[in-house]
Amino acid sequence: MPEEAAVYTHGHHESVLRSHRWRTAENSAAYLVGGLRPGQSVLDVGCGPGTITADIAGLVSPGRVTALDTGREILDEAAAVAAGRGLDNIEFATGDVHALDFPDDSFDVVHAHQVLQHVSDPVRALREMRRVCRPGGVVAARDSDYAAMTWYPPSAGMARWQELYDRVARANGGEPDAGRRLLSWARRAGFTDITPSAAAWCFATPQDRAWWSGLWADRTTASSYAELAVAGGHASPGQLAEVADAWRAWGEEPDGWFMVPHGEVLCRA
């Protein structure tokens, strides 16, 4: 199986998983859940800690879900989430979305949340997702769009964060503005029946601001993203600390508001 060429910018530091564990089918896959039915088989690509996966498994039970990610350690966490919910209809596997180790027409639904922005060839990935999806099934993908993220009040430090993240992600082989490109990628992958949509996360209450700003401040100085930023010559540790301070300052603003937009596609195989 070929190795994934792009580098996962975020890694699995606690500050990253703090965000990923918050994700649910309701807040991250609402565009898909209306089409899920009991008995369906689902492949969840890039499942991470498995919170969305577990929600999907509950919706399609007694159908089965295969949770796929690149590393065994994060799959162990996903398995613990499933066990904690008493779910026995999830299987776990490592693999590369560019070359899925499943036969053609294996699943009714193939889902990927925040995956295509990190892979080296998103069109090839979508073709593979289509290959393993049964005729008439659905390939679903959702990705954020970093250049379209916006906040209030204005902050020069936050603007530096946005520019820095873009440079680091692109140097790692990813496309941080994937959300706006999903429709184009799906068409290039050969899909003709595509339903595009968009949705957003908004962090504006005092509790949400504290949580979102805190995890990004920590991510900026302590995660794989921070290590890659320094190793790639994109920022010094001191500059990263300044960006983290800007995140914390924004989080204390009583008028603080942050929006994360997402592109979404439902593609009929």
Protein backbone atom coordinates (compact mmCIF):
# COMPACT_ATOMS: atom_id res chain seq x y z
CA MET A 1 0.00 0.00 0.00
CA PRO A 2 1.54 3.37 -0.96
CA GLU A 3 2.48 5.74 1.80
CA GLU A 4 0.54 8.96 2.31
CA ALA A 5 2.69 11.74 0.81
CA ALA A 6 1.29 14.70 2.72
CA VAL A 7 2.01 15.34 6.39
CA TYR A 8 -0.91 15.62 8.82
CA THR A 9 -0.32 19.18 9.98
CA HIS A 10 -2.14 19.00 13.30
CA GLY A 11 -0.94 15.68 14.70
CA HIS A 12 -2.67 14.18 17.71
CA HIS A 13 -1.51 16.42 20.54
CA GLU A 14 -4.04 16.80 23.37
CA SER A 15 -4.91 20.31 22.17
CA VAL A 16 -5.92 18.85 18.80
CA LEU A 17 -7.90 15.99 20.27
CA ARG A 18 -9.64 18.47 22.57
CA SER A 19 -11.27 19.82 19.42
CA HIS A 20 -11.79 16.47 17.68
CA ARG A 21 -13.51 14.88 20.68
CA TRP A 22 -16.08 17.70 20.63
CA ARG A 23 -17.26 16.73 17.15
CA THR A 24 -20.54 14.89 16.74
CA ALA A 25 -22.68 13.82 13.82
CA GLU A 26 -25.02 16.69 14.72
CA ASN A 27 -22.42 19.47 14.65
CA SER A 28 -20.14 18.00 11.96
CA ALA A 29 -22.17 15.74 9.65
CA ALA A 30 -25.72 17.10 9.67
CA TYR A 31 -25.68 17.21 5.86
CA LEU A 32 -25.25 13.42 5.84
CA VAL A 33 -27.24 12.06 8.77
CA GLY A 34 -30.66 12.54 7.14
CA GLY A 35 -29.72 9.92 4.58
CA LEU A 36 -28.41 7.32 7.00
CA ARG A 37 -30.56 4.24 7.58
CA PRO A 38 -30.41 1.15 9.83
CA GLY A 39 -28.59 -1.68 8.12
CA GLN A 40 -26.27 0.43 5.98
CA SER A 41 -22.56 -0.28 5.84
CA VAL A 42 -20.31 2.76 6.29
CA LEU A 43 -16.62 3.52 5.83
CA ASP A 44 -15.51 6.47 7.99
CA VAL A 45 -12.22 7.72 6.55
CA GLY A 46 -9.95 9.60 8.96
CA CYS A 47 -12.10 8.74 11.96
CA GLY A 48 -9.75 10.26 14.55
CA PRO A 49 -10.92 9.71 18.13
CA GLY A 50 -14.19 8.28 16.85
CA THR A 51 -16.92 10.51 18.22
CA ILE A 52 -18.56 11.10 14.82
CA THR A 53 -17.98 7.44 13.96
CA ALA A 54 -19.80 6.31 17.07
CA ASP A 55 -22.77 8.56 16.30
CA ILE A 56 -22.95 7.15 12.77
CA ALA A 57 -22.72 3.59 14.10
CA GLY A 58 -25.70 4.24 16.33
CA LEU A 59 -27.74 5.55 13.41
CA VAL A 60 -27.02 2.62 11.04
CA SER A 61 -27.13 -0.22 13.59
CA PRO A 62 -27.40 -3.17 12.99
CA GLY A 63 -25.39 -2.11 9.96
CA ARG A 64 -21.63 -2.00 10.37
CA VAL A 65 -19.12 0.84 10.32
CA THR A 66 -15.44 0.53 9.43
CA ALA A 67 -13.36 3.25 11.11
CA LEU A 68 -10.19 4.03 9.17
CA ASP A 69 -7.20 6.13 10.16
CA THR A 70 -3.47 6.16 9.53
CA GLY A 71 -2.29 5.21 13.04
CA ARG A 72 -3.13 2.52 15.53
CA GLU A 73 -2.87 4.81 18.58
CA ILE A 74 -5.75 7.06 17.53
CA LEU A 75 -7.79 3.99 16.55
CA ASP A 76 -7.33 2.66 20.08
CA GLU A 77 -8.96 5.83 21.37
CA ALA A 78 -11.80 5.46 18.87
CA ALA A 79 -12.28 1.87 20.01
CA ALA A 80 -12.49 3.05 23.62
CA VAL A 81 -15.20 5.56 22.66
CA ALA A 82 -17.17 2.79 20.95
CA ALA A 83 -16.78 0.47 23.92
CA GLY A 84 -17.85 3.23 26.30
CA ARG A 85 -21.10 3.60 24.35
CA GLY A 86 -21.69 -0.14 24.19
CA LEU A 87 -21.34 -0.24 20.39
CA ASP A 88 -20.31 -3.55 18.86
CA ASN A 89 -20.88 -2.72 15.17
CA ILE A 90 -17.59 -0.84 14.49
CA GLU A 91 -14.43 -2.35 13.03
CA PHE A 92 -11.10 -0.51 13.04
CA ALA A 93 -8.43 -0.49 10.36
CA THR A 94 -5.34 1.48 9.36
CA GLY A 95 -4.93 2.60 5.77
CA ASP A 96 -4.34 5.30 3.18
CA VAL A 97 -7.33 6.93 1.49
CA HIS A 98 -5.33 7.11 -1.76
CA ALA A 99 -5.27 3.29 -1.91
CA LEU A 100 -8.07 1.79 0.16
CA ASP A 101 -7.61 -1.86 1.04
CA PHE A 102 -11.21 -2.84 0.32
CA PRO A 103 -12.86 -4.45 -2.71
CA ASP A 104 -14.95 -2.45 -5.14
CA ASP A 105 -18.55 -1.75 -4.04
CA SER A 106 -17.94 -2.56 -0.36
CA PHE A 107 -19.95 0.18 1.40
CA ASP A 108 -23.27 2.00 1.15
CA VAL A 109 -21.76 5.21 2.53
CA VAL A 110 -18.17 6.49 2.51
CA HIS A 111 -17.60 9.51 4.76
CA ALA A 112 -14.63 11.79 5.35
CA HIS A 113 -14.65 14.74 7.75
CA GLN A 114 -11.73 17.22 7.60
CA VAL A 115 -9.61 14.74 5.64
CA LEU A 116 -9.21 15.97 2.08
CA GLN A 117 -7.50 19.20 3.18
CA HIS A 118 -4.61 17.10 4.48
CA VAL A 119 -4.00 14.59 1.68
CA SER A 120 -1.59 14.92 -1.21
CA ASP A 121 -4.12 14.12 -3.94
CA PRO A 122 -7.75 14.79 -2.93
CA VAL A 123 -9.12 13.88 -6.37
CA ARG A 124 -7.43 10.48 -6.25
CA ALA A 125 -8.76 10.05 -2.71
CA LEU A 126 -12.31 10.77 -3.87
CA ARG A 127 -11.92 8.30 -6.74
CA GLU A 128 -10.91 5.64 -4.23
CA MET A 129 -13.84 6.52 -2.01
CA ARG A 130 -16.08 6.19 -5.04
CA ARG A 131 -14.54 2.83 -6.01
CA VAL A 132 -15.37 1.23 -2.67
CA CYS A 133 -18.89 2.74 -2.59
CA ARG A 134 -21.70 0.62 -4.01
CA PRO A 135 -23.64 1.91 -7.04
CA GLY A 136 -26.35 4.18 -5.74
CA GLY A 137 -24.47 4.76 -2.50
CA VAL A 138 -23.15 8.07 -1.19
CA VAL A 139 -19.67 9.54 -0.80
CA ALA A 140 -19.75 12.41 1.70
CA ALA A 141 -16.96 14.88 2.41
CA ARG A 142 -16.76 17.98 4.58
CA ASP A 143 -13.77 20.30 5.00
CA SER A 144 -13.13 23.68 6.55
CA ASP A 145 -11.79 26.67 4.64
CA TYR A 146 -9.04 28.51 6.52
CA ALA A 147 -8.87 31.60 4.31
CA ALA A 148 -12.60 32.14 4.85
CA MET A 149 -12.38 31.88 8.65
CA THR A 150 -13.17 35.24 10.21
CA TRP A 151 -13.33 36.81 13.62
CA TYR A 152 -14.11 39.97 15.56
CA PRO A 153 -12.62 42.20 16.91
CA PRO A 154 -9.78 42.59 14.40
CA SER A 155 -6.44 41.26 15.62
CA ALA A 156 -3.06 41.56 13.93
CA GLY A 157 -1.88 38.52 15.88
CA MET A 158 -4.81 36.42 14.65
CA ALA A 159 -4.12 37.57 11.09
CA ARG A 160 -0.54 36.34 11.54
CA TRP A 161 -1.93 33.00 12.72
CA GLN A 162 -4.08 32.65 9.60
CA GLU A 163 -1.16 33.46 7.29
CA LEU A 164 1.21 31.17 9.20
CA TYR A 165 -1.17 28.23 9.21
CA ASP A 166 -1.64 28.59 5.45
CA ARG A 167 2.11 28.44 4.84
CA VAL A 168 2.69 25.47 7.14
CA ALA A 169 -0.22 23.45 5.73
CA ARG A 170 0.82 24.04 2.13
CA ALA A 171 4.44 23.18 2.89
CA ASN A 172 3.15 19.88 4.29
CA GLY A 173 1.38 19.08 1.01
CA GLY A 174 -2.14 20.02 2.07
CA GLU A 175 -4.80 22.46 0.88
CA PRO A 176 -6.06 24.54 3.83
CA ASP A 177 -8.84 26.13 1.73
CA ALA A 178 -10.33 22.76 0.84
CA GLY A 179 -13.93 23.66 1.64
CA ARG A 180 -14.42 25.81 -1.46
CA ARG A 181 -12.77 23.17 -3.66
CA LEU A 182 -14.81 20.09 -2.75
CA LEU A 183 -17.30 20.47 -5.58
CA SER A 184 -14.49 20.91 -8.11
CA TRP A 185 -12.58 17.92 -6.75
CA ALA A 186 -15.70 15.73 -6.79
CA ARG A 187 -16.40 16.64 -10.42
CA ARG A 188 -12.80 15.87 -11.37
CA ALA A 189 -13.12 12.53 -9.56
CA GLY A 190 -15.94 11.59 -11.95
CA PHE A 191 -19.05 12.25 -9.88
CA THR A 192 -21.97 13.74 -11.79
CA ASP A 193 -24.73 13.63 -9.15
CA ILE A 194 -23.41 16.01 -6.46
CA THR A 195 -25.24 17.98 -3.80
CA PRO A 196 -22.97 20.79 -2.53
CA SER A 197 -23.67 22.70 0.66
CA ALA A 198 -22.02 24.73 3.39
CA ALA A 199 -22.25 25.06 7.15
CA ALA A 200 -20.34 26.82 9.90
CA TRP A 201 -19.18 26.49 13.48
CA CYS A 202 -19.48 29.68 15.52
CA PHE A 203 -17.65 30.36 18.78
CA ALA A 204 -18.97 33.46 20.50
CA THR A 205 -20.19 32.67 24.03
CA PRO A 206 -17.70 33.21 26.87
CA GLN A 207 -17.41 29.44 27.36
CA ASP A 208 -16.94 28.73 23.66
CA ARG A 209 -14.40 31.55 23.25
CA ALA A 210 -12.36 30.28 26.18
CA TRP A 211 -12.38 26.72 24.84
CA TRP A 212 -11.61 27.58 21.20
CA SER A 213 -8.94 30.17 21.96
CA GLY A 214 -7.32 27.95 24.58
CA LEU A 215 -6.97 24.92 22.36
CA TRP A 216 -5.57 27.00 19.49
CA ALA A 217 -3.15 28.80 21.79
CA ASP A 218 -1.91 25.44 23.05
CA ARG A 219 -1.83 23.98 19.53
CA THR A 220 0.27 26.94 18.34
CA THR A 221 3.07 26.25 20.81
CA ALA A 222 2.91 22.55 21.70
CA SER A 223 1.52 20.42 18.85
CA SER A 224 2.96 18.84 15.72
CA TYR A 225 1.84 22.00 13.91
CA ALA A 226 4.16 24.04 16.15
CA GLU A 227 7.05 21.65 15.55
CA LEU A 228 6.51 21.75 11.78
CA ALA A 229 6.27 25.54 11.80
CA VAL A 230 9.67 25.84 13.49
CA ALA A 231 11.36 23.01 11.59
CA GLY A 232 10.17 24.44 8.27
CA GLY A 233 11.50 27.90 9.05
CA HIS A 234 8.03 29.44 9.05
CA ALA A 235 8.21 30.84 12.59
CA SER A 236 10.43 30.93 15.65
CA PRO A 237 9.26 29.68 19.05
CA GLY A 238 9.03 33.31 20.14
CA GLN A 239 6.81 34.20 17.20
CA LEU A 240 4.56 31.22 17.93
CA ALA A 241 4.27 32.37 21.54
CA GLU A 242 3.15 35.80 20.31
CA VAL A 243 0.47 34.20 18.13
CA ALA A 244 -0.68 32.09 21.08
CA ASP A 245 -0.94 35.25 23.19
CA ALA A 246 -3.10 36.80 20.47
CA TRP A 247 -5.44 33.80 20.63
CA ARG A 248 -5.75 34.15 24.41
CA ALA A 249 -6.35 37.90 24.15
CA TRP A 250 -9.12 37.33 21.61
CA GLY A 251 -10.66 34.72 23.88
CA GLU A 252 -11.01 37.34 26.63
CA GLU A 253 -12.82 39.84 24.39
CA PRO A 254 -16.46 40.18 25.50
CA ASP A 255 -17.40 40.92 21.88
CA GLY A 256 -15.28 38.06 20.53
CA TRP A 257 -16.78 36.05 17.65
CA PHE A 258 -15.16 33.40 15.44
CA MET A 259 -16.62 31.54 12.46
CA VAL A 260 -15.27 28.35 10.85
CA PRO A 261 -16.95 27.78 7.45
CA HIS A 262 -17.14 24.33 5.86
CA GLY A 263 -17.78 23.11 2.36
CA GLU A 264 -19.73 19.86 2.00
CA VAL A 265 -20.54 17.47 -0.82
CA LEU A 266 -22.88 14.49 -1.05
CA CYS A 267 -21.90 12.52 -4.15
CA ARG A 268 -24.06 9.72 -5.54
CA ALA A 269 -21.85 6.83 -6.68
